[in-house]
Amino acid sequence: IAVPCNTAEYFIDGHHFDATMLDIVCETVRFMQSKSVKTVGILSTDGTIASEIYSSKFHGCAVNIVYPSIAEQQKITDAIYKNVKSGLGGESGISDICHSLFWRGCDAVILGCTELSLLDMSKFDLLDRIFDPMDILAISSIKQCGYDSKGFDKKYDMV
């Protein structure tokens, strides 16, 4: 079972299932470790931040987390709920926040909300440092089924 929602991890974490469960957050943490990321920025909903899903999974992994400022978080919330869900984009604001996180020392940025997967990423620079957990979960699912995921996207080649 692969659940393609970051926030949903809060509700399923710690429950037992009779099937293999791929955790989008755990898969993303594992991927960041494979890339030797030391500091990561997280773009997500207020609920994902409040539930500490990413901070609890990164705890003890020697990876520092940087969250957007309060003003940046409001822009992310607006982008998710007013723009992306309405089909209006929001790439420029999200790109600016990514740049801010890189400037503050992040090696990588995680798009920790599946609505952010709908943005036109071709409009972003530094794209090789911005990672989508949906892509990571898709690759993990392919591998779990016994197939090779090489060629999906070079930046996602996993160790």
Protein backbone atom coordinates (compact mmCIF):
# COMPACT_ATOMS: atom_id res chain seq x y z
CA ILE A 1 0.00 0.00 0.00
CA ALA A 2 1.38 3.40 -0.94
CA VAL A 3 -0.43 6.43 0.46
CA PRO A 4 0.38 9.49 -1.65
CA CYS A 5 -0.34 12.10 1.02
CA ASN A 6 2.14 13.56 3.48
CA THR A 7 -0.47 14.70 6.01
CA ALA A 8 -2.20 11.30 6.00
CA GLU A 9 0.93 9.81 7.53
CA TYR A 10 -0.14 11.37 10.83
CA PHE A 11 -3.26 9.19 10.86
CA ILE A 12 -1.65 5.91 9.77
CA ASP A 13 1.67 6.14 11.60
CA GLY A 14 1.98 3.41 14.20
CA HIS A 15 -0.89 1.29 12.87
CA HIS A 16 -0.34 -2.28 11.76
CA PHE A 17 -1.41 -3.43 8.30
CA ASP A 18 -1.41 -6.93 6.85
CA ALA A 19 0.19 -5.56 3.68
CA THR A 20 3.48 -3.83 3.00
CA MET A 21 2.98 -0.12 3.64
CA LEU A 22 5.23 2.38 1.90
CA ASP A 23 5.37 5.52 4.01
CA ILE A 24 5.86 8.59 1.80
CA VAL A 25 7.68 10.44 4.58
CA CYS A 26 9.96 7.52 5.53
CA GLU A 27 10.80 6.92 1.88
CA THR A 28 11.66 10.62 1.50
CA VAL A 29 13.83 10.59 4.62
CA ARG A 30 15.63 7.47 3.38
CA PHE A 31 16.18 9.14 -0.01
CA MET A 32 17.58 12.33 1.57
CA GLN A 33 19.99 10.20 3.60
CA SER A 34 21.11 8.38 0.45
CA LYS A 35 21.91 11.76 -1.10
CA SER A 36 23.90 12.81 2.02
CA VAL A 37 21.66 15.83 2.57
CA LYS A 38 22.59 17.62 5.80
CA THR A 39 19.99 20.40 5.85
CA VAL A 40 16.59 20.21 4.21
CA GLY A 41 13.79 22.73 3.81
CA ILE A 42 10.20 21.49 4.04
CA LEU A 43 7.34 23.08 2.12
CA SER A 44 4.05 21.71 3.44
CA THR A 45 0.68 22.51 4.92
CA ASP A 46 0.28 23.96 8.38
CA GLY A 47 -1.17 20.60 9.47
CA THR A 48 1.89 18.68 8.33
CA ILE A 49 4.15 21.08 10.22
CA ALA A 50 1.97 21.00 13.37
CA SER A 51 1.86 17.20 13.38
CA GLU A 52 5.68 17.11 13.22
CA ILE A 53 5.58 14.26 10.69
CA TYR A 54 8.86 15.20 9.03
CA SER A 55 10.68 16.30 12.18
CA SER A 56 9.81 13.03 13.96
CA LYS A 57 10.98 10.91 11.01
CA PHE A 58 14.19 12.93 10.54
CA HIS A 59 14.90 12.80 14.31
CA GLY A 60 18.21 11.03 14.91
CA CYS A 61 19.16 11.04 11.21
CA ALA A 62 21.72 13.86 11.35
CA VAL A 63 19.59 15.90 8.94
CA ASN A 64 18.59 19.39 10.03
CA ILE A 65 15.17 20.71 9.04
CA VAL A 66 14.47 24.32 8.13
CA TYR A 67 10.87 25.46 7.86
CA PRO A 68 9.71 28.58 6.05
CA SER A 69 9.17 31.77 8.02
CA ILE A 70 5.64 32.60 9.17
CA ALA A 71 5.18 34.96 6.20
CA GLU A 72 6.55 32.35 3.78
CA GLN A 73 4.28 29.68 5.29
CA GLN A 74 1.28 31.93 4.64
CA LYS A 75 2.38 32.21 0.99
CA ILE A 76 2.67 28.40 0.78
CA THR A 77 -0.81 28.03 2.28
CA ASP A 78 -2.19 30.54 -0.23
CA ALA A 79 -0.39 28.80 -3.09
CA ILE A 80 -1.83 25.41 -2.08
CA TYR A 81 -5.40 26.42 -1.30
CA LYS A 82 -5.97 29.47 -3.51
CA ASN A 83 -3.79 28.71 -6.52
CA VAL A 84 -2.90 25.03 -7.00
CA LYS A 85 -6.29 23.62 -5.97
CA SER A 86 -7.92 26.19 -8.28
CA GLY A 87 -5.58 25.43 -11.20
CA LEU A 88 -3.96 28.86 -11.05
CA GLY A 89 -0.34 27.79 -10.56
CA GLY A 90 1.70 29.57 -7.90
CA GLU A 91 5.15 28.65 -9.14
CA SER A 92 6.82 32.04 -8.69
CA GLY A 93 5.96 32.33 -5.00
CA ILE A 94 7.06 28.78 -4.26
CA SER A 95 10.27 29.26 -6.25
CA ASP A 96 11.06 32.38 -4.21
CA ILE A 97 10.57 30.45 -0.96
CA CYS A 98 12.86 27.67 -2.22
CA HIS A 99 15.53 30.28 -2.94
CA SER A 100 15.09 31.68 0.57
CA LEU A 101 15.58 28.20 2.06
CA PHE A 102 18.70 27.62 -0.06
CA TRP A 103 20.03 31.01 1.05
CA ARG A 104 19.42 29.93 4.66
CA GLY A 105 21.67 26.89 4.17
CA CYS A 106 19.43 24.11 2.85
CA ASP A 107 21.05 21.52 0.60
CA ALA A 108 17.63 20.42 -0.65
CA VAL A 109 13.95 21.33 -0.46
CA ILE A 110 11.14 18.80 -0.11
CA LEU A 111 7.74 19.56 -1.62
CA GLY A 112 5.98 18.08 1.41
CA CYS A 113 2.45 18.57 0.11
CA THR A 114 1.13 16.54 -2.81
CA GLU A 115 -0.67 19.58 -4.24
CA LEU A 116 2.77 21.11 -4.83
CA SER A 117 3.43 18.19 -7.21
CA LEU A 118 1.00 19.88 -9.59
CA LEU A 119 3.20 22.95 -10.06
CA ASP A 120 4.99 23.40 -13.39
CA MET A 121 8.47 22.57 -12.16
CA SER A 122 10.04 23.60 -15.48
CA LYS A 123 9.65 27.19 -14.23
CA PHE A 124 12.01 26.54 -11.30
CA ASP A 125 15.76 26.92 -11.36
CA LEU A 126 17.90 24.84 -8.99
CA LEU A 127 15.47 22.07 -9.85
CA ASP A 128 18.09 19.43 -9.11
CA ARG A 129 17.82 20.43 -5.41
CA ILE A 130 14.01 20.37 -5.15
CA PHE A 131 12.51 16.94 -4.47
CA ASP A 132 8.96 15.68 -4.70
CA PRO A 133 7.97 12.92 -2.26
CA MET A 134 5.37 11.76 -4.81
CA ASP A 135 8.21 10.93 -7.22
CA ILE A 136 10.17 9.25 -4.43
CA LEU A 137 7.11 7.18 -3.44
CA ALA A 138 6.51 6.20 -7.08
CA ILE A 139 10.11 5.02 -7.44
CA SER A 140 9.94 3.14 -4.14
CA SER A 141 6.73 1.47 -5.31
CA ILE A 142 8.36 0.41 -8.58
CA LYS A 143 11.30 -1.05 -6.65
CA GLN A 144 8.99 -2.77 -4.13
CA CYS A 145 7.37 -4.54 -7.10
CA GLY A 146 10.80 -5.83 -8.16
CA TYR A 147 11.43 -3.52 -11.11
CA ASP A 148 14.29 -1.16 -11.96
CA SER A 149 13.50 2.54 -11.66
CA LYS A 150 16.65 3.80 -13.40
CA GLY A 151 15.83 6.39 -16.00
CA PHE A 152 12.83 7.80 -14.14
CA ASP A 153 14.79 10.99 -13.47
CA LYS A 154 18.53 11.04 -12.89
CA LYS A 155 18.24 13.15 -9.74
CA TYR A 156 16.11 10.38 -8.22
CA ASP A 157 18.52 7.53 -8.88
CA MET A 158 18.66 5.85 -5.49
CA VAL A 159 21.61 4.13 -3.94
